[in-house]
Amino acid sequence: MILNCDNNVDETTNNPGNKGSMSKVRVGSRSFPLYPVVIVSLGLLNTILMLTAVVIGIYCGIFSEVSASDQNAQTLIIEFKTLCEMFADVIQSQEEAKQALQKELRNNEKNKLQMEQNKTLCDRLQRQIESLHVEKATLQSKLSDIQDNCGRCLPGWLLINHTCYFHSISETSALKNWWDSRADCISRGGNLTVINSLEKQLNLHEFLPKGLQQSKHRGAWIGLTYDRTVHRWVWSNEVTLSDQGYWNSGEPNNQEAPDGACVAIVNKKTPTRTWFDTSCDWEKEWLCEMEPN
């Protein structure tokens, strides 16, 4: 609003003689009382000041809120950094725990392997102990036989049920044909073995090594041959075989061998099926016997 105040003021405005008259102000072509205009102007100014204060208050509030928001943001940042550090510590602790667990697992594997190796060693030692027990029992048995044989059988001979036996396996070159085997037995003071009873057959089955059946020239000669003149089996003591004998399955089957048929014994599972006949010229081990002193 523009108040056009100039010198064109009514004379009555400043004339004190005009009692009851009111000062006026001209605005454009119109005149207004002076006091109401001032009051209105002051009211407008007050309103403007109040609006300004309100606006300033609002801006101050916004600024305060922004400041508060900045503080909250700073607090959140600090808390976030703290959480990140805590999370890093947790990750590091987890990694350390994982490494410790892996180390423990490796130690457990080593311990397990060591236990298995110890068990294998213990099993081997146990077998060796058992083998030593068997060897000890065998040596004690041989010692007993030696003590029993003392003065009754020659060195290298074994006393079994009142008969001395010699097995050529103790010789370095223990392979001969039937004739040479018999000659060796005679040179030692005996003859090829005569098996004329089941008891004797069973005793020899226990005495002879089981390896006989694995030899290339399997078996050991005994004193039984086939006499073609009488068509009978005759022992080396010139006694004819009187019973069925202890032939293996399918034996005898070489009675007509060109060089004669002689009998050998092979130690098999069935103790009453151990004899077989073959050509007398084959080289084998041999089994001698003689009466004890």
C-alpha atoms as a PDB file:
ATOM      1  CA  MET A   1       0.000   0.000   0.000  1.00  0.00           C
ATOM      2  CA  ILE A   2       1.274   3.521  -0.877  1.00  0.00           C
ATOM      3  CA  LEU A   3       0.160   6.453   1.109  1.00  0.00           C
ATOM      4  CA  ASN A   4       0.264   9.561  -0.968  1.00  0.00           C
ATOM      5  CA  CYS A   5       0.902  12.247   1.658  1.00  0.00           C
ATOM      6  CA  ASP A   6       1.392  15.659   0.184  1.00  0.00           C
ATOM      7  CA  ASN A   7       0.578  19.264   1.057  1.00  0.00           C
ATOM      8  CA  ASN A   8      -2.949  19.012  -0.163  1.00  0.00           C
ATOM      9  CA  VAL A   9      -4.299  18.423   3.284  1.00  0.00           C
ATOM     10  CA  ASP A  10      -7.498  19.983   4.371  1.00  0.00           C
ATOM     11  CA  GLU A  11      -6.975  23.008   6.474  1.00  0.00           C
ATOM     12  CA  THR A  12      -9.321  21.595   8.992  1.00  0.00           C
ATOM     13  CA  THR A  13      -6.921  18.783   9.673  1.00  0.00           C
ATOM     14  CA  ASN A  14      -4.489  20.986  11.575  1.00  0.00           C
ATOM     15  CA  ASN A  15      -6.879  23.636  12.658  1.00  0.00           C
ATOM     16  CA  PRO A  16      -7.350  23.423  16.381  1.00  0.00           C
ATOM     17  CA  GLY A  17     -10.230  25.685  16.278  1.00  0.00           C
ATOM     18  CA  ASN A  18     -12.348  23.160  14.635  1.00  0.00           C
ATOM     19  CA  LYS A  19     -13.505  21.238  17.567  1.00  0.00           C
ATOM     20  CA  GLY A  20     -14.683  17.722  16.934  1.00  0.00           C
ATOM     21  CA  SER A  21     -12.850  17.584  13.620  1.00  0.00           C
ATOM     22  CA  MET A  22     -10.472  14.491  12.770  1.00  0.00           C
ATOM     23  CA  SER A  23      -7.141  14.470  10.918  1.00  0.00           C
ATOM     24  CA  LYS A  24      -7.311  12.885   7.507  1.00  0.00           C
ATOM     25  CA  VAL A  25      -4.940  11.555   4.961  1.00  0.00           C
ATOM     26  CA  ARG A  26      -5.477  11.704   1.213  1.00  0.00           C
ATOM     27  CA  VAL A  27      -4.925   8.627  -0.734  1.00  0.00           C
ATOM     28  CA  GLY A  28      -5.188   9.295  -4.393  1.00  0.00           C
ATOM     29  CA  SER A  29      -8.329  11.274  -4.887  1.00  0.00           C
ATOM     30  CA  ARG A  30      -9.842  10.022  -1.641  1.00  0.00           C
ATOM     31  CA  SER A  31      -9.290  11.027   1.961  1.00  0.00           C
ATOM     32  CA  PHE A  32      -9.227   8.611   4.926  1.00  0.00           C
ATOM     33  CA  PRO A  33      -9.062   9.170   8.639  1.00  0.00           C
ATOM     34  CA  LEU A  34      -5.432   9.009   9.791  1.00  0.00           C
ATOM     35  CA  TYR A  35      -5.721   6.757  12.929  1.00  0.00           C
ATOM     36  CA  PRO A  36      -7.580   3.842  11.364  1.00  0.00           C
ATOM     37  CA  VAL A  37      -5.012   3.783   8.583  1.00  0.00           C
ATOM     38  CA  VAL A  38      -2.151   3.646  11.066  1.00  0.00           C
ATOM     39  CA  ILE A  39      -3.855   0.909  13.085  1.00  0.00           C
ATOM     40  CA  VAL A  40      -4.462  -1.157   9.973  1.00  0.00           C
ATOM     41  CA  SER A  41      -0.854  -0.602   8.880  1.00  0.00           C
ATOM     42  CA  LEU A  42       0.448  -1.703  12.260  1.00  0.00           C
ATOM     43  CA  GLY A  43      -1.806  -4.748  12.213  1.00  0.00           C
ATOM     44  CA  LEU A  44      -0.514  -5.712   8.792  1.00  0.00           C
ATOM     45  CA  LEU A  45       3.050  -5.205   9.958  1.00  0.00           C
ATOM     46  CA  ASN A  46       2.415  -7.337  13.030  1.00  0.00           C
ATOM     47  CA  THR A  47       0.902 -10.032  10.859  1.00  0.00           C
ATOM     48  CA  ILE A  48       3.951  -9.956   8.584  1.00  0.00           C
ATOM     49  CA  LEU A  49       6.257 -10.182  11.600  1.00  0.00           C
ATOM     50  CA  MET A  50       4.283 -13.100  13.006  1.00  0.00           C
ATOM     51  CA  LEU A  51       4.396 -14.883   9.654  1.00  0.00           C
ATOM     52  CA  THR A  52       8.108 -14.236   9.469  1.00  0.00           C
ATOM     53  CA  ALA A  53       8.551 -15.636  12.993  1.00  0.00           C
ATOM     54  CA  VAL A  54       6.499 -18.683  12.088  1.00  0.00           C
ATOM     55  CA  VAL A  55       8.529 -19.227   8.945  1.00  0.00           C
ATOM     56  CA  ILE A  56      11.766 -18.784  10.878  1.00  0.00           C
ATOM     57  CA  GLY A  57      10.464 -21.202  13.530  1.00  0.00           C
ATOM     58  CA  ILE A  58       9.596 -23.743  10.906  1.00  0.00           C
ATOM     59  CA  TYR A  59      13.025 -23.449   9.345  1.00  0.00           C
ATOM     60  CA  CYS A  60      14.626 -23.715  12.748  1.00  0.00           C
ATOM     61  CA  GLY A  61      12.592 -26.854  13.427  1.00  0.00           C
ATOM     62  CA  ILE A  62      13.581 -28.303  10.113  1.00  0.00           C
ATOM     63  CA  PHE A  63      17.195 -27.447  10.818  1.00  0.00           C
ATOM     64  CA  SER A  64      16.897 -29.044  14.245  1.00  0.00           C
ATOM     65  CA  GLU A  65      15.333 -32.129  12.677  1.00  0.00           C
ATOM     66  CA  VAL A  66      18.093 -32.237  10.070  1.00  0.00           C
ATOM     67  CA  SER A  67      20.659 -31.877  12.806  1.00  0.00           C
ATOM     68  CA  ALA A  68      18.937 -34.575  14.815  1.00  0.00           C
ATOM     69  CA  SER A  69      18.816 -36.743  11.704  1.00  0.00           C
ATOM     70  CA  ASP A  70      22.513 -36.151  11.165  1.00  0.00           C
ATOM     71  CA  GLN A  71      23.185 -37.207  14.753  1.00  0.00           C
ATOM     72  CA  ASN A  72      21.059 -40.327  14.323  1.00  0.00           C
ATOM     73  CA  ALA A  73      22.912 -41.079  11.119  1.00  0.00           C
ATOM     74  CA  GLN A  74      26.229 -40.697  12.893  1.00  0.00           C
ATOM     75  CA  THR A  75      24.996 -42.980  15.675  1.00  0.00           C
ATOM     76  CA  LEU A  76      23.806 -45.547  13.137  1.00  0.00           C
ATOM     77  CA  ILE A  77      27.136 -45.374  11.328  1.00  0.00           C
ATOM     78  CA  ILE A  78      28.995 -45.946  14.574  1.00  0.00           C
ATOM     79  CA  GLU A  79      26.707 -48.851  15.468  1.00  0.00           C
ATOM     80  CA  PHE A  80      27.116 -50.286  11.963  1.00  0.00           C
ATOM     81  CA  LYS A  81      30.891 -50.084  12.223  1.00  0.00           C
ATOM     82  CA  THR A  82      30.691 -51.767  15.632  1.00  0.00           C
ATOM     83  CA  LEU A  83      28.498 -54.540  14.219  1.00  0.00           C
ATOM     84  CA  CYS A  84      30.898 -54.971  11.295  1.00  0.00           C
ATOM     85  CA  GLU A  85      33.800 -55.334  13.709  1.00  0.00           C
ATOM     86  CA  MET A  86      31.812 -57.814  15.804  1.00  0.00           C
ATOM     87  CA  PHE A  87      30.865 -59.739  12.655  1.00  0.00           C
ATOM     88  CA  ALA A  88      34.512 -59.829  11.552  1.00  0.00           C
ATOM     89  CA  ASP A  89      35.450 -61.163  14.993  1.00  0.00           C
ATOM     90  CA  VAL A  90      32.752 -63.826  14.712  1.00  0.00           C
ATOM     91  CA  ILE A  91      33.979 -64.819  11.230  1.00  0.00           C
ATOM     92  CA  GLN A  92      37.559 -65.010  12.490  1.00  0.00           C
ATOM     93  CA  SER A  93      36.486 -67.075  15.500  1.00  0.00           C
ATOM     94  CA  GLN A  94      34.502 -69.382  13.223  1.00  0.00           C
ATOM     95  CA  GLU A  95      37.506 -69.795  10.906  1.00  0.00           C
ATOM     96  CA  GLU A  96      39.770 -70.536  13.862  1.00  0.00           C
ATOM     97  CA  ALA A  97      37.258 -73.069  15.182  1.00  0.00           C
ATOM     98  CA  LYS A  98      37.055 -74.649  11.715  1.00  0.00           C
ATOM     99  CA  GLN A  99      40.844 -74.916  11.491  1.00  0.00           C
ATOM    100  CA  ALA A 100      40.976 -76.388  14.995  1.00  0.00           C
ATOM    101  CA  LEU A 101      38.299 -78.922  14.035  1.00  0.00           C
ATOM    102  CA  GLN A 102      40.166 -79.877  10.867  1.00  0.00           C
ATOM    103  CA  LYS A 103      43.349 -80.297  12.872  1.00  0.00           C
ATOM    104  CA  GLU A 104      41.502 -82.479  15.368  1.00  0.00           C
ATOM    105  CA  LEU A 105      40.059 -84.569  12.535  1.00  0.00           C
ATOM    106  CA  ARG A 106      43.548 -85.040  11.071  1.00  0.00           C
ATOM    107  CA  ASN A 107      44.813 -86.093  14.476  1.00  0.00           C
ATOM    108  CA  ASN A 108      41.923 -88.533  14.788  1.00  0.00           C
ATOM    109  CA  GLU A 109      42.759 -89.985  11.362  1.00  0.00           C
ATOM    110  CA  LYS A 110      46.391 -90.362  12.398  1.00  0.00           C
ATOM    111  CA  ASN A 111      45.327 -92.018  15.648  1.00  0.00           C
ATOM    112  CA  LYS A 112      42.953 -94.322  13.765  1.00  0.00           C
ATOM    113  CA  LEU A 113      45.700 -95.290  11.320  1.00  0.00           C
ATOM    114  CA  GLN A 114      48.103 -95.847  14.197  1.00  0.00           C
ATOM    115  CA  MET A 115      45.526 -98.035  15.958  1.00  0.00           C
ATOM    116  CA  GLU A 116      45.009-100.084  12.786  1.00  0.00           C
ATOM    117  CA  GLN A 117      48.775-100.480  12.405  1.00  0.00           C
ATOM    118  CA  ASN A 118      49.045-101.483  16.058  1.00  0.00           C
ATOM    119  CA  LYS A 119      46.216-103.977  15.597  1.00  0.00           C
ATOM    120  CA  THR A 120      47.925-105.429  12.528  1.00  0.00           C
ATOM    121  CA  LEU A 121      51.172-105.658  14.478  1.00  0.00           C
ATOM    122  CA  CYS A 122      49.382-107.276  17.424  1.00  0.00           C
ATOM    123  CA  ASP A 123      47.694-109.786  15.111  1.00  0.00           C
ATOM    124  CA  ARG A 124      51.039-110.631  13.510  1.00  0.00           C
ATOM    125  CA  LEU A 125      52.674-110.999  16.900  1.00  0.00           C
ATOM    126  CA  GLN A 126      49.774-113.160  18.048  1.00  0.00           C
ATOM    127  CA  ARG A 127      50.220-115.421  15.026  1.00  0.00           C
ATOM    128  CA  GLN A 128      53.929-115.599  15.708  1.00  0.00           C
ATOM    129  CA  ILE A 129      53.241-116.493  19.325  1.00  0.00           C
ATOM    130  CA  GLU A 130      50.824-119.213  18.229  1.00  0.00           C
ATOM    131  CA  SER A 131      53.385-120.470  15.713  1.00  0.00           C
ATOM    132  CA  LEU A 132      56.020-120.530  18.451  1.00  0.00           C
ATOM    133  CA  HIS A 133      53.642-122.473  20.693  1.00  0.00           C
ATOM    134  CA  VAL A 134      53.123-125.017  17.908  1.00  0.00           C
ATOM    135  CA  GLU A 135      56.855-125.172  17.276  1.00  0.00           C
ATOM    136  CA  LYS A 136      57.475-125.618  20.982  1.00  0.00           C
ATOM    137  CA  ALA A 137      54.931-128.439  21.146  1.00  0.00           C
ATOM    138  CA  THR A 138      56.521-130.051  18.070  1.00  0.00           C
ATOM    139  CA  LEU A 139      59.985-129.786  19.566  1.00  0.00           C
ATOM    140  CA  GLN A 140      58.745-131.217  22.844  1.00  0.00           C
ATOM    141  CA  SER A 141      57.141-134.094  20.925  1.00  0.00           C
ATOM    142  CA  LYS A 142      60.349-134.691  19.008  1.00  0.00           C
ATOM    143  CA  LEU A 143      62.296-134.496  22.226  1.00  0.00           C
ATOM    144  CA  SER A 144      59.984-137.087  23.706  1.00  0.00           C
ATOM    145  CA  ASP A 145      60.461-139.275  20.638  1.00  0.00           C
ATOM    146  CA  ILE A 146      64.219-138.848  20.838  1.00  0.00           C
ATOM    147  CA  GLN A 147      64.174-139.763  24.493  1.00  0.00           C
ATOM    148  CA  ASP A 148      62.047-142.786  23.711  1.00  0.00           C
ATOM    149  CA  ASN A 149      64.298-143.654  20.752  1.00  0.00           C
ATOM    150  CA  CYS A 150      67.449-143.334  22.809  1.00  0.00           C
ATOM    151  CA  GLY A 151      69.362-146.535  22.294  1.00  0.00           C
ATOM    152  CA  ARG A 152      66.535-148.128  20.268  1.00  0.00           C
ATOM    153  CA  CYS A 153      66.669-146.459  16.802  1.00  0.00           C
ATOM    154  CA  LEU A 154      69.654-145.238  14.783  1.00  0.00           C
ATOM    155  CA  PRO A 155      70.237-141.477  14.328  1.00  0.00           C
ATOM    156  CA  GLY A 156      67.845-140.114  11.694  1.00  0.00           C
ATOM    157  CA  TRP A 157      65.280-142.825  12.402  1.00  0.00           C
ATOM    158  CA  LEU A 158      62.012-142.337  14.285  1.00  0.00           C
ATOM    159  CA  LEU A 159      60.368-144.818  16.618  1.00  0.00           C
ATOM    160  CA  ILE A 160      56.634-145.156  15.989  1.00  0.00           C
ATOM    161  CA  ASN A 161      54.729-147.874  17.799  1.00  0.00           C
ATOM    162  CA  HIS A 162      57.675-150.256  18.222  1.00  0.00           C
ATOM    163  CA  THR A 163      59.008-149.741  14.692  1.00  0.00           C
ATOM    164  CA  CYS A 164      61.893-147.549  13.530  1.00  0.00           C
ATOM    165  CA  TYR A 165      61.222-145.521  10.345  1.00  0.00           C
ATOM    166  CA  PHE A 166      63.526-143.586   8.051  1.00  0.00           C
ATOM    167  CA  HIS A 167      62.131-141.069   5.588  1.00  0.00           C
ATOM    168  CA  SER A 168      64.518-140.081   2.783  1.00  0.00           C
ATOM    169  CA  ILE A 169      63.293-136.490   2.851  1.00  0.00           C
ATOM    170  CA  SER A 170      66.086-135.886   5.368  1.00  0.00           C
ATOM    171  CA  GLU A 171      68.612-136.630   2.597  1.00  0.00           C
ATOM    172  CA  THR A 172      69.940-133.826   0.353  1.00  0.00           C
ATOM    173  CA  SER A 173      69.149-135.772  -2.853  1.00  0.00           C
ATOM    174  CA  ALA A 174      66.200-137.861  -1.738  1.00  0.00           C
ATOM    175  CA  LEU A 175      64.908-139.170  -5.074  1.00  0.00           C
ATOM    176  CA  LYS A 176      65.533-142.716  -6.298  1.00  0.00           C
ATOM    177  CA  ASN A 177      63.764-145.427  -8.276  1.00  0.00           C
ATOM    178  CA  TRP A 178      62.198-148.286  -6.402  1.00  0.00           C
ATOM    179  CA  TRP A 179      65.202-150.605  -6.738  1.00  0.00           C
ATOM    180  CA  ASP A 180      67.751-148.067  -5.558  1.00  0.00           C
ATOM    181  CA  SER A 181      65.435-147.029  -2.731  1.00  0.00           C
ATOM    182  CA  ARG A 182      65.247-150.610  -1.493  1.00  0.00           C
ATOM    183  CA  ALA A 183      69.025-150.948  -1.757  1.00  0.00           C
ATOM    184  CA  ASP A 184      69.450-147.793   0.365  1.00  0.00           C
ATOM    185  CA  CYS A 185      67.137-149.178   3.050  1.00  0.00           C
ATOM    186  CA  ILE A 186      69.038-152.453   3.118  1.00  0.00           C
ATOM    187  CA  SER A 187      72.351-150.583   3.406  1.00  0.00           C
ATOM    188  CA  ARG A 188      70.958-148.875   6.499  1.00  0.00           C
ATOM    189  CA  GLY A 189      70.024-152.163   8.091  1.00  0.00           C
ATOM    190  CA  GLY A 190      66.332-152.191   7.170  1.00  0.00           C
ATOM    191  CA  ASN A 191      64.044-152.564   4.152  1.00  0.00           C
ATOM    192  CA  LEU A 192      61.258-150.689   2.399  1.00  0.00           C
ATOM    193  CA  THR A 193      58.224-150.280   4.651  1.00  0.00           C
ATOM    194  CA  VAL A 194      55.653-153.049   4.892  1.00  0.00           C
ATOM    195  CA  ILE A 195      52.154-151.838   5.803  1.00  0.00           C
ATOM    196  CA  ASN A 196      50.289-154.894   6.965  1.00  0.00           C
ATOM    197  CA  SER A 197      47.788-153.382   9.414  1.00  0.00           C
ATOM    198  CA  LEU A 198      45.388-150.454   9.709  1.00  0.00           C
ATOM    199  CA  GLU A 199      47.253-149.255  12.807  1.00  0.00           C
ATOM    200  CA  LYS A 200      50.479-149.023  10.852  1.00  0.00           C
ATOM    201  CA  GLN A 201      48.718-147.248   7.985  1.00  0.00           C
ATOM    202  CA  LEU A 202      47.271-144.629  10.344  1.00  0.00           C
ATOM    203  CA  ASN A 203      50.602-144.131  12.110  1.00  0.00           C
ATOM    204  CA  LEU A 204      52.349-143.450   8.797  1.00  0.00           C
ATOM    205  CA  HIS A 205      49.575-141.069   7.775  1.00  0.00           C
ATOM    206  CA  GLU A 206      50.378-139.000  10.868  1.00  0.00           C
ATOM    207  CA  PHE A 207      54.133-139.346  10.414  1.00  0.00           C
ATOM    208  CA  LEU A 208      54.511-138.506   6.726  1.00  0.00           C
ATOM    209  CA  PRO A 209      54.575-134.789   5.796  1.00  0.00           C
ATOM    210  CA  LYS A 210      51.568-133.484   3.914  1.00  0.00           C
ATOM    211  CA  GLY A 211      53.918-131.921   1.351  1.00  0.00           C
ATOM    212  CA  LEU A 212      54.295-135.272  -0.349  1.00  0.00           C
ATOM    213  CA  GLN A 213      51.166-134.688  -2.397  1.00  0.00           C
ATOM    214  CA  GLN A 214      52.567-131.370  -3.733  1.00  0.00           C
ATOM    215  CA  SER A 215      55.881-132.800  -4.992  1.00  0.00           C
ATOM    216  CA  LYS A 216      56.578-133.125  -8.731  1.00  0.00           C
ATOM    217  CA  HIS A 217      57.627-136.738  -8.048  1.00  0.00           C
ATOM    218  CA  ARG A 218      54.858-137.171  -5.534  1.00  0.00           C
ATOM    219  CA  GLY A 219      54.804-139.934  -3.002  1.00  0.00           C
ATOM    220  CA  ALA A 220      57.371-142.152  -1.285  1.00  0.00           C
ATOM    221  CA  TRP A 221      58.184-145.737  -2.210  1.00  0.00           C
ATOM    222  CA  ILE A 222      57.027-148.536   0.079  1.00  0.00           C
ATOM    223  CA  GLY A 223      57.953-152.206  -0.159  1.00  0.00           C
ATOM    224  CA  LEU A 224      55.083-153.434  -2.405  1.00  0.00           C
ATOM    225  CA  THR A 225      55.462-154.577  -6.046  1.00  0.00           C
ATOM    226  CA  TYR A 226      53.394-156.517  -8.546  1.00  0.00           C
ATOM    227  CA  ASP A 227      54.638-160.044  -9.311  1.00  0.00           C
ATOM    228  CA  ARG A 228      53.540-160.893 -12.831  1.00  0.00           C
ATOM    229  CA  THR A 229      54.361-164.562 -12.417  1.00  0.00           C
ATOM    230  CA  VAL A 230      51.733-165.068  -9.727  1.00  0.00           C
ATOM    231  CA  HIS A 231      49.659-161.963 -10.578  1.00  0.00           C
ATOM    232  CA  ARG A 232      49.738-160.806  -7.031  1.00  0.00           C
ATOM    233  CA  TRP A 233      51.037-157.877  -4.984  1.00  0.00           C
ATOM    234  CA  VAL A 234      54.029-158.939  -2.914  1.00  0.00           C
ATOM    235  CA  TRP A 235      55.815-157.127  -0.079  1.00  0.00           C
ATOM    236  CA  SER A 236      59.565-156.684   0.074  1.00  0.00           C
ATOM    237  CA  ASN A 237      59.657-159.331   2.840  1.00  0.00           C
ATOM    238  CA  GLU A 238      58.161-161.740   0.253  1.00  0.00           C
ATOM    239  CA  VAL A 239      54.754-161.798   1.978  1.00  0.00           C
ATOM    240  CA  THR A 240      51.770-161.543  -0.359  1.00  0.00           C
ATOM    241  CA  LEU A 241      49.263-158.765   0.183  1.00  0.00           C
ATOM    242  CA  SER A 242      46.440-160.551   1.905  1.00  0.00           C
ATOM    243  CA  ASP A 243      43.849-157.792   2.228  1.00  0.00           C
ATOM    244  CA  GLN A 244      42.408-155.142  -0.091  1.00  0.00           C
ATOM    245  CA  GLY A 245      45.098-152.632   0.844  1.00  0.00           C
ATOM    246  CA  TYR A 246      44.685-148.853   1.181  1.00  0.00           C
ATOM    247  CA  TRP A 247      44.530-147.811  -2.449  1.00  0.00           C
ATOM    248  CA  ASN A 248      43.632-144.387  -3.695  1.00  0.00           C
ATOM    249  CA  SER A 249      40.521-144.088  -5.876  1.00  0.00           C
ATOM    250  CA  GLY A 250      41.066-145.806  -9.265  1.00  0.00           C
ATOM    251  CA  GLU A 251      44.205-147.637  -8.098  1.00  0.00           C
ATOM    252  CA  PRO A 252      45.987-149.917  -8.852  1.00  0.00           C
ATOM    253  CA  ASN A 253      46.122-149.354 -12.622  1.00  0.00           C
ATOM    254  CA  ASN A 254      49.746-149.978 -13.718  1.00  0.00           C
ATOM    255  CA  GLN A 255      50.230-153.702 -13.162  1.00  0.00           C
ATOM    256  CA  GLU A 256      51.371-154.155 -16.761  1.00  0.00           C
ATOM    257  CA  ALA A 257      53.960-151.345 -16.739  1.00  0.00           C
ATOM    258  CA  PRO A 258      56.991-152.384 -18.882  1.00  0.00           C
ATOM    259  CA  ASP A 259      59.420-151.732 -16.031  1.00  0.00           C
ATOM    260  CA  GLY A 260      57.196-153.302 -13.436  1.00  0.00           C
ATOM    261  CA  ALA A 261      54.586-151.797 -11.118  1.00  0.00           C
ATOM    262  CA  CYS A 262      55.705-150.557  -7.723  1.00  0.00           C
ATOM    263  CA  VAL A 263      53.687-148.853  -4.993  1.00  0.00           C
ATOM    264  CA  ALA A 264      54.187-145.446  -3.404  1.00  0.00           C
ATOM    265  CA  ILE A 265      52.289-143.725  -0.642  1.00  0.00           C
ATOM    266  CA  VAL A 266      50.993-140.164  -0.836  1.00  0.00           C
ATOM    267  CA  ASN A 267      49.667-138.426   2.239  1.00  0.00           C
ATOM    268  CA  LYS A 268      46.107-137.315   1.445  1.00  0.00           C
ATOM    269  CA  LYS A 269      43.154-136.293   3.577  1.00  0.00           C
ATOM    270  CA  THR A 270      41.629-139.754   3.700  1.00  0.00           C
ATOM    271  CA  PRO A 271      44.155-141.878   5.645  1.00  0.00           C
ATOM    272  CA  THR A 272      42.883-145.166   4.208  1.00  0.00           C
ATOM    273  CA  ARG A 273      43.244-144.054   0.550  1.00  0.00           C
ATOM    274  CA  THR A 274      46.943-143.228   0.107  1.00  0.00           C
ATOM    275  CA  TRP A 275      48.490-145.969  -2.116  1.00  0.00           C
ATOM    276  CA  PHE A 276      49.054-145.771  -5.858  1.00  0.00           C
ATOM    277  CA  ASP A 277      51.102-147.863  -8.297  1.00  0.00           C
ATOM    278  CA  THR A 278      53.397-146.589 -11.038  1.00  0.00           C
ATOM    279  CA  SER A 279      56.484-147.583 -13.024  1.00  0.00           C
ATOM    280  CA  CYS A 280      59.310-148.732 -10.741  1.00  0.00           C
ATOM    281  CA  ASP A 281      61.779-146.564 -12.681  1.00  0.00           C
ATOM    282  CA  TRP A 282      60.198-143.302 -11.482  1.00  0.00           C
ATOM    283  CA  GLU A 283      62.337-141.443  -8.954  1.00  0.00           C
ATOM    284  CA  LYS A 284      60.672-140.692  -5.648  1.00  0.00           C
ATOM    285  CA  GLU A 285      61.309-140.398  -1.956  1.00  0.00           C
ATOM    286  CA  TRP A 286      61.328-143.654  -0.009  1.00  0.00           C
ATOM    287  CA  LEU A 287      60.361-144.971   3.398  1.00  0.00           C
ATOM    288  CA  CYS A 288      62.466-147.559   5.273  1.00  0.00           C
ATOM    289  CA  GLU A 289      61.704-149.510   8.402  1.00  0.00           C
ATOM    290  CA  MET A 290      63.560-151.720  10.817  1.00  0.00           C
ATOM    291  CA  GLU A 291      63.053-153.321  14.193  1.00  0.00           C
ATOM    292  CA  PRO A 292      64.267-151.274  17.175  1.00  0.00           C
ATOM    293  CA  ASN A 293      67.212-152.459  19.278  1.00  0.00           C
END
